[in-house]
Amino acid sequence: MEDKERIELIEKTIEKIRPYIQSEGGDVRFVKLEDDIVYVSVHGACVGCYALDFTLKDGVQALIMDEVEGIKEVRLAE
């Protein structure tokens, strides 16, 4: 699968989890795919939230890795 296809699938996958994050006052957005690592940005209540690591690893990363072939990790974009 080409990166363009993977990016489209990543964005669709993030759209699946966004409503849950938005219901808590936050948001997450795809930034880039680089070396099989997905970079995302967080907004709203997610910024500085104590549960951010849990949300990223057990929520966003788990879902993306389950649905998109070859993804190694999800990280916060700088």
PDB file of N, CA and C in Angstrom:
ATOM      1  N   MET A   1       0.849  -1.184   0.000  1.00  0.00           N
ATOM      2  CA  MET A   1       0.000   0.000   0.000  1.00  0.00           C
ATOM      3  C   MET A   1       0.893   1.245   0.000  1.00  0.00           C
ATOM      4  N   GLU A   2       0.575   2.181  -0.857  1.00  0.00           N
ATOM      5  CA  GLU A   2       1.349   3.414  -0.965  1.00  0.00           C
ATOM      6  C   GLU A   2       1.033   4.354   0.192  1.00  0.00           C
ATOM      7  N   ASP A   3       1.960   5.269   0.471  1.00  0.00           N
ATOM      8  CA  ASP A   3       1.759   6.216   1.568  1.00  0.00           C
ATOM      9  C   ASP A   3       0.489   7.040   1.391  1.00  0.00           C
ATOM     10  N   LYS A   4       0.177   7.422   0.153  1.00  0.00           N
ATOM     11  CA  LYS A   4      -1.027   8.221  -0.084  1.00  0.00           C
ATOM     12  C   LYS A   4      -2.265   7.458   0.381  1.00  0.00           C
ATOM     13  N   GLU A   5      -2.329   6.180   0.070  1.00  0.00           N
ATOM     14  CA  GLU A   5      -3.459   5.342   0.491  1.00  0.00           C
ATOM     15  C   GLU A   5      -3.482   5.179   2.009  1.00  0.00           C
ATOM     16  N   ARG A   6      -2.309   4.992   2.584  1.00  0.00           N
ATOM     17  CA  ARG A   6      -2.209   4.828   4.039  1.00  0.00           C
ATOM     18  C   ARG A   6      -2.654   6.106   4.752  1.00  0.00           C
ATOM     19  N   ILE A   7      -2.262   7.258   4.222  1.00  0.00           N
ATOM     20  CA  ILE A   7      -2.658   8.531   4.827  1.00  0.00           C
ATOM     21  C   ILE A   7      -4.171   8.699   4.782  1.00  0.00           C
ATOM     22  N   GLU A   8      -4.772   8.358   3.662  1.00  0.00           N
ATOM     23  CA  GLU A   8      -6.234   8.446   3.566  1.00  0.00           C
ATOM     24  C   GLU A   8      -6.900   7.534   4.590  1.00  0.00           C
ATOM     25  N   LEU A   9      -6.360   6.332   4.766  1.00  0.00           N
ATOM     26  CA  LEU A   9      -6.912   5.386   5.732  1.00  0.00           C
ATOM     27  C   LEU A   9      -6.686   5.869   7.162  1.00  0.00           C
ATOM     28  N   ILE A  10      -5.529   6.456   7.432  1.00  0.00           N
ATOM     29  CA  ILE A  10      -5.245   7.025   8.758  1.00  0.00           C
ATOM     30  C   ILE A  10      -6.251   8.127   9.075  1.00  0.00           C
ATOM     31  N   GLU A  11      -6.471   9.018   8.114  1.00  0.00           N
ATOM     32  CA  GLU A  11      -7.416  10.122   8.334  1.00  0.00           C
ATOM     33  C   GLU A  11      -8.831   9.595   8.576  1.00  0.00           C
ATOM     34  N   LYS A  12      -9.249   8.583   7.831  1.00  0.00           N
ATOM     35  CA  LYS A  12     -10.573   7.984   8.043  1.00  0.00           C
ATOM     36  C   LYS A  12     -10.664   7.321   9.407  1.00  0.00           C
ATOM     37  N   THR A  13      -9.582   6.692   9.825  1.00  0.00           N
ATOM     38  CA  THR A  13      -9.550   6.020  11.125  1.00  0.00           C
ATOM     39  C   THR A  13      -9.627   7.044  12.255  1.00  0.00           C
ATOM     40  N   ILE A  14      -8.913   8.134  12.131  1.00  0.00           N
ATOM     41  CA  ILE A  14      -8.970   9.194  13.144  1.00  0.00           C
ATOM     42  C   ILE A  14     -10.385   9.761  13.226  1.00  0.00           C
ATOM     43  N   GLU A  15     -11.052   9.884  12.092  1.00  0.00           N
ATOM     44  CA  GLU A  15     -12.426  10.396  12.097  1.00  0.00           C
ATOM     45  C   GLU A  15     -13.365   9.500  12.920  1.00  0.00           C
ATOM     46  N   LYS A  16     -13.039   8.224  13.020  1.00  0.00           N
ATOM     47  CA  LYS A  16     -13.857   7.300  13.822  1.00  0.00           C
ATOM     48  C   LYS A  16     -13.753   7.596  15.312  1.00  0.00           C
ATOM     49  N   ILE A  17     -12.588   8.017  15.764  1.00  0.00           N
ATOM     50  CA  ILE A  17     -12.374   8.225  17.201  1.00  0.00           C
ATOM     51  C   ILE A  17     -12.580   9.685  17.623  1.00  0.00           C
ATOM     52  N   ARG A  18     -12.522  10.596  16.679  1.00  0.00           N
ATOM     53  CA  ARG A  18     -12.664  12.025  16.996  1.00  0.00           C
ATOM     54  C   ARG A  18     -13.930  12.369  17.775  1.00  0.00           C
ATOM     55  N   PRO A  19     -15.110  11.822  17.423  1.00  0.00           N
ATOM     56  CA  PRO A  19     -16.319  12.187  18.177  1.00  0.00           C
ATOM     57  C   PRO A  19     -16.207  11.894  19.676  1.00  0.00           C
ATOM     58  N   TYR A  20     -15.527  10.826  20.030  1.00  0.00           N
ATOM     59  CA  TYR A  20     -15.351  10.482  21.444  1.00  0.00           C
ATOM     60  C   TYR A  20     -14.440  11.493  22.143  1.00  0.00           C
ATOM     61  N   ILE A  21     -13.385  11.876  21.457  1.00  0.00           N
ATOM     62  CA  ILE A  21     -12.453  12.854  22.020  1.00  0.00           C
ATOM     63  C   ILE A  21     -13.120  14.228  22.089  1.00  0.00           C
ATOM     64  N   GLN A  22     -13.864  14.568  21.050  1.00  0.00           N
ATOM     65  CA  GLN A  22     -14.553  15.859  21.027  1.00  0.00           C
ATOM     66  C   GLN A  22     -15.644  15.939  22.097  1.00  0.00           C
ATOM     67  N   SER A  23     -16.238  14.812  22.444  1.00  0.00           N
ATOM     68  CA  SER A  23     -17.283  14.820  23.475  1.00  0.00           C
ATOM     69  C   SER A  23     -16.721  15.194  24.846  1.00  0.00           C
ATOM     70  N   GLU A  24     -15.401  15.094  24.997  1.00  0.00           N
ATOM     71  CA  GLU A  24     -14.728  15.477  26.241  1.00  0.00           C
ATOM     72  C   GLU A  24     -14.084  16.857  26.128  1.00  0.00           C
ATOM     73  N   GLY A  25     -14.338  17.546  25.019  1.00  0.00           N
ATOM     74  CA  GLY A  25     -13.820  18.901  24.842  1.00  0.00           C
ATOM     75  C   GLY A  25     -12.479  18.987  24.138  1.00  0.00           C
ATOM     76  N   GLY A  26     -11.979  17.863  23.647  1.00  0.00           N
ATOM     77  CA  GLY A  26     -10.688  17.865  22.965  1.00  0.00           C
ATOM     78  C   GLY A  26     -10.839  17.595  21.486  1.00  0.00           C
ATOM     79  N   ASP A  27      -9.705  17.417  20.835  1.00  0.00           N
ATOM     80  CA  ASP A  27      -9.704  17.071  19.423  1.00  0.00           C
ATOM     81  C   ASP A  27      -8.333  16.523  19.061  1.00  0.00           C
ATOM     82  N   VAL A  28      -8.280  15.724  18.013  1.00  0.00           N
ATOM     83  CA  VAL A  28      -7.032  15.165  17.507  1.00  0.00           C
ATOM     84  C   VAL A  28      -7.075  15.251  15.989  1.00  0.00           C
ATOM     85  N   ARG A  29      -5.919  15.605  15.403  1.00  0.00           N
ATOM     86  CA  ARG A  29      -5.839  15.742  13.954  1.00  0.00           C
ATOM     87  C   ARG A  29      -4.545  15.126  13.434  1.00  0.00           C
ATOM     88  N   PHE A  30      -4.636  14.526  12.275  1.00  0.00           N
ATOM     89  CA  PHE A  30      -3.467  13.963  11.593  1.00  0.00           C
ATOM     90  C   PHE A  30      -2.560  15.101  11.141  1.00  0.00           C
ATOM     91  N   VAL A  31      -1.253  14.931  11.332  1.00  0.00           N
ATOM     92  CA  VAL A  31      -0.272  15.921  10.872  1.00  0.00           C
ATOM     93  C   VAL A  31       0.572  15.357   9.737  1.00  0.00           C
ATOM     94  N   LYS A  32       1.188  14.181   9.979  1.00  0.00           N
ATOM     95  CA  LYS A  32       2.030  13.604   8.928  1.00  0.00           C
ATOM     96  C   LYS A  32       2.305  12.130   9.224  1.00  0.00           C
ATOM     97  N   LEU A  33       2.770  11.444   8.189  1.00  0.00           N
ATOM     98  CA  LEU A  33       3.245  10.065   8.279  1.00  0.00           C
ATOM     99  C   LEU A  33       4.699  10.083   7.861  1.00  0.00           C
ATOM    100  N   GLU A  34       5.564   9.603   8.734  1.00  0.00           N
ATOM    101  CA  GLU A  34       6.999   9.615   8.449  1.00  0.00           C
ATOM    102  C   GLU A  34       7.639   8.366   9.037  1.00  0.00           C
ATOM    103  N   ASP A  35       8.303   7.572   8.212  1.00  0.00           N
ATOM    104  CA  ASP A  35       8.961   6.341   8.655  1.00  0.00           C
ATOM    105  C   ASP A  35       8.021   5.421   9.424  1.00  0.00           C
ATOM    106  N   ASP A  36       6.806   5.259   8.927  1.00  0.00           N
ATOM    107  CA  ASP A  36       5.770   4.407   9.520  1.00  0.00           C
ATOM    108  C   ASP A  36       5.321   4.871  10.906  1.00  0.00           C
ATOM    109  N   ILE A  37       5.583   6.119  11.237  1.00  0.00           N
ATOM    110  CA  ILE A  37       5.122   6.722  12.487  1.00  0.00           C
ATOM    111  C   ILE A  37       4.123   7.818  12.130  1.00  0.00           C
ATOM    112  N   VAL A  38       2.971   7.774  12.789  1.00  0.00           N
ATOM    113  CA  VAL A  38       1.921   8.760  12.570  1.00  0.00           C
ATOM    114  C   VAL A  38       2.095   9.883  13.588  1.00  0.00           C
ATOM    115  N   TYR A  39       2.087  11.105  13.115  1.00  0.00           N
ATOM    116  CA  TYR A  39       2.173  12.265  13.989  1.00  0.00           C
ATOM    117  C   TYR A  39       0.822  12.968  13.996  1.00  0.00           C
ATOM    118  N   VAL A  40       0.349  13.274  15.195  1.00  0.00           N
ATOM    119  CA  VAL A  40      -0.935  13.938  15.351  1.00  0.00           C
ATOM    120  C   VAL A  40      -0.763  15.172  16.230  1.00  0.00           C
ATOM    121  N   SER A  41      -1.717  16.070  16.127  1.00  0.00           N
ATOM    122  CA  SER A  41      -1.770  17.218  17.030  1.00  0.00           C
ATOM    123  C   SER A  41      -3.043  17.087  17.855  1.00  0.00           C
ATOM    124  N   VAL A  42      -2.995  17.622  19.064  1.00  0.00           N
ATOM    125  CA  VAL A  42      -4.176  17.613  19.930  1.00  0.00           C
ATOM    126  C   VAL A  42      -4.563  19.048  20.253  1.00  0.00           C
ATOM    127  N   HIS A  43      -5.836  19.230  20.534  1.00  0.00           N
ATOM    128  CA  HIS A  43      -6.366  20.568  20.752  1.00  0.00           C
ATOM    129  C   HIS A  43      -7.385  20.539  21.880  1.00  0.00           C
ATOM    130  N   GLY A  44      -7.758  21.723  22.325  1.00  0.00           N
ATOM    131  CA  GLY A  44      -8.797  21.849  23.341  1.00  0.00           C
ATOM    132  C   GLY A  44      -8.399  21.219  24.658  1.00  0.00           C
ATOM    133  N   ALA A  45      -9.325  20.470  25.235  1.00  0.00           N
ATOM    134  CA  ALA A  45      -9.116  19.882  26.553  1.00  0.00           C
ATOM    135  C   ALA A  45      -7.991  18.846  26.569  1.00  0.00           C
ATOM    136  N   CYS A  46      -7.576  18.353  25.407  1.00  0.00           N
ATOM    137  CA  CYS A  46      -6.484  17.373  25.362  1.00  0.00           C
ATOM    138  C   CYS A  46      -5.141  17.990  25.756  1.00  0.00           C
ATOM    139  N   VAL A  47      -4.989  19.265  25.495  1.00  0.00           N
ATOM    140  CA  VAL A  47      -3.739  19.947  25.803  1.00  0.00           C
ATOM    141  C   VAL A  47      -3.578  19.993  27.324  1.00  0.00           C
ATOM    142  N   GLY A  48      -2.533  19.339  27.807  1.00  0.00           N
ATOM    143  CA  GLY A  48      -2.255  19.323  29.235  1.00  0.00           C
ATOM    144  C   GLY A  48      -3.085  18.323  30.030  1.00  0.00           C
ATOM    145  N   CYS A  49      -3.879  17.514  29.376  1.00  0.00           N
ATOM    146  CA  CYS A  49      -4.736  16.548  30.068  1.00  0.00           C
ATOM    147  C   CYS A  49      -3.895  15.402  30.641  1.00  0.00           C
ATOM    148  N   TYR A  50      -4.198  14.992  31.852  1.00  0.00           N
ATOM    149  CA  TYR A  50      -3.467  13.898  32.496  1.00  0.00           C
ATOM    150  C   TYR A  50      -3.668  12.562  31.767  1.00  0.00           C
ATOM    151  N   ALA A  51      -4.754  12.410  31.029  1.00  0.00           N
ATOM    152  CA  ALA A  51      -5.063  11.153  30.348  1.00  0.00           C
ATOM    153  C   ALA A  51      -4.601  11.137  28.893  1.00  0.00           C
ATOM    154  N   LEU A  52      -3.838  12.133  28.474  1.00  0.00           N
ATOM    155  CA  LEU A  52      -3.444  12.222  27.067  1.00  0.00           C
ATOM    156  C   LEU A  52      -2.649  11.002  26.612  1.00  0.00           C
ATOM    157  N   ASP A  53      -1.690  10.549  27.400  1.00  0.00           N
ATOM    158  CA  ASP A  53      -0.900   9.378  27.009  1.00  0.00           C
ATOM    159  C   ASP A  53      -1.796   8.160  26.812  1.00  0.00           C
ATOM    160  N   PHE A  54      -2.729   7.953  27.711  1.00  0.00           N
ATOM    161  CA  PHE A  54      -3.678   6.850  27.604  1.00  0.00           C
ATOM    162  C   PHE A  54      -4.515   6.984  26.340  1.00  0.00           C
ATOM    163  N   THR A  55      -5.022   8.176  26.093  1.00  0.00           N
ATOM    164  CA  THR A  55      -5.856   8.416  24.911  1.00  0.00           C
ATOM    165  C   THR A  55      -5.069   8.151  23.631  1.00  0.00           C
ATOM    166  N   LEU A  56      -3.825   8.619  23.588  1.00  0.00           N
ATOM    167  CA  LEU A  56      -3.013   8.420  22.382  1.00  0.00           C
ATOM    168  C   LEU A  56      -2.642   6.962  22.176  1.00  0.00           C
ATOM    169  N   LYS A  57      -2.133   6.306  23.205  1.00  0.00           N
ATOM    170  CA  LYS A  57      -1.620   4.946  23.051  1.00  0.00           C
ATOM    171  C   LYS A  57      -2.731   3.897  23.010  1.00  0.00           C
ATOM    172  N   ASP A  58      -3.654   3.963  23.957  1.00  0.00           N
ATOM    173  CA  ASP A  58      -4.692   2.940  24.049  1.00  0.00           C
ATOM    174  C   ASP A  58      -5.913   3.248  23.198  1.00  0.00           C
ATOM    175  N   GLY A  59      -6.003   4.457  22.701  1.00  0.00           N
ATOM    176  CA  GLY A  59      -7.131   4.832  21.854  1.00  0.00           C
ATOM    177  C   GLY A  59      -6.707   5.022  20.418  1.00  0.00           C
ATOM    178  N   VAL A  60      -6.093   6.159  20.141  1.00  0.00           N
ATOM    179  CA  VAL A  60      -5.739   6.530  18.767  1.00  0.00           C
ATOM    180  C   VAL A  60      -4.746   5.536  18.158  1.00  0.00           C
ATOM    181  N   GLN A  61      -3.652   5.274  18.852  1.00  0.00           N
ATOM    182  CA  GLN A  61      -2.633   4.375  18.305  1.00  0.00           C
ATOM    183  C   GLN A  61      -3.179   2.964  18.108  1.00  0.00           C
ATOM    184  N   ALA A  62      -3.888   2.445  19.091  1.00  0.00           N
ATOM    185  CA  ALA A  62      -4.425   1.086  18.986  1.00  0.00           C
ATOM    186  C   ALA A  62      -5.346   0.949  17.782  1.00  0.00           C
ATOM    187  N   LEU A  63      -6.204   1.917  17.568  1.00  0.00           N
ATOM    188  CA  LEU A  63      -7.143   1.873  16.446  1.00  0.00           C
ATOM    189  C   LEU A  63      -6.415   1.985  15.104  1.00  0.00           C
ATOM    190  N   ILE A  64      -5.477   2.917  15.012  1.00  0.00           N
ATOM    191  CA  ILE A  64      -4.733   3.092  13.760  1.00  0.00           C
ATOM    192  C   ILE A  64      -3.909   1.848  13.444  1.00  0.00           C
ATOM    193  N   MET A  65      -3.223   1.304  14.435  1.00  0.00           N
ATOM    194  CA  MET A  65      -2.388   0.124  14.186  1.00  0.00           C
ATOM    195  C   MET A  65      -3.237  -1.086  13.799  1.00  0.00           C
ATOM    196  N   ASP A  66      -4.454  -1.130  14.287  1.00  0.00           N
ATOM    197  CA  ASP A  66      -5.365  -2.221  13.950  1.00  0.00           C
ATOM    198  C   ASP A  66      -5.886  -2.099  12.523  1.00  0.00           C
ATOM    199  N   GLU A  67      -6.029  -0.875  12.041  1.00  0.00           N
ATOM    200  CA  GLU A  67      -6.674  -0.661  10.747  1.00  0.00           C
ATOM    201  C   GLU A  67      -5.725  -0.295   9.603  1.00  0.00           C
ATOM    202  N   VAL A  68      -4.501   0.124   9.931  1.00  0.00           N
ATOM    203  CA  VAL A  68      -3.570   0.560   8.883  1.00  0.00           C
ATOM    204  C   VAL A  68      -2.289  -0.270   8.963  1.00  0.00           C
ATOM    205  N   GLU A  69      -2.004  -0.943   7.878  1.00  0.00           N
ATOM    206  CA  GLU A  69      -0.858  -1.839   7.807  1.00  0.00           C
ATOM    207  C   GLU A  69       0.475  -1.111   7.995  1.00  0.00           C
ATOM    208  N   GLY A  70       1.340  -1.678   8.831  1.00  0.00           N
ATOM    209  CA  GLY A  70       2.717  -1.220   8.935  1.00  0.00           C
ATOM    210  C   GLY A  70       2.987  -0.031   9.840  1.00  0.00           C
ATOM    211  N   ILE A  71       1.994   0.459  10.541  1.00  0.00           N
ATOM    212  CA  ILE A  71       2.218   1.602  11.436  1.00  0.00           C
ATOM    213  C   ILE A  71       2.922   1.114  12.704  1.00  0.00           C
ATOM    214  N   LYS A  72       3.988   1.811  13.093  1.00  0.00           N
ATOM    215  CA  LYS A  72       4.786   1.423  14.251  1.00  0.00           C
ATOM    216  C   LYS A  72       4.338   2.125  15.533  1.00  0.00           C
ATOM    217  N   GLU A  73       3.878   3.378  15.392  1.00  0.00           N
ATOM    218  CA  GLU A  73       3.612   4.180  16.586  1.00  0.00           C
ATOM    219  C   GLU A  73       2.830   5.427  16.196  1.00  0.00           C
ATOM    220  N   VAL A  74       2.168   6.016  17.191  1.00  0.00           N
ATOM    221  CA  VAL A  74       1.537   7.329  17.038  1.00  0.00           C
ATOM    222  C   VAL A  74       2.208   8.255  18.042  1.00  0.00           C
ATOM    223  N   ARG A  75       2.639   9.417  17.580  1.00  0.00           N
ATOM    224  CA  ARG A  75       3.327  10.397  18.443  1.00  0.00           C
ATOM    225  C   ARG A  75       2.678  11.757  18.268  1.00  0.00           C
ATOM    226  N   LEU A  76       2.896  12.605  19.261  1.00  0.00           N
ATOM    227  CA  LEU A  76       2.468  13.996  19.160  1.00  0.00           C
ATOM    228  C   LEU A  76       3.445  14.729  18.239  1.00  0.00           C
ATOM    229  N   ALA A  77       2.923  15.521  17.346  1.00  0.00           N
ATOM    230  CA  ALA A  77       3.745  16.359  16.486  1.00  0.00           C
ATOM    231  C   ALA A  77       4.272  17.525  17.316  1.00  0.00           C
ATOM    232  N   GLU A  78       5.464  17.973  16.984  1.00  0.00           N
ATOM    233  CA  GLU A  78       6.048  19.098  17.710  1.00  0.00           C
ATOM    234  C   GLU A  78       5.718  20.390  17.028  1.00  0.00           C
TER     235      GLU A  78
END
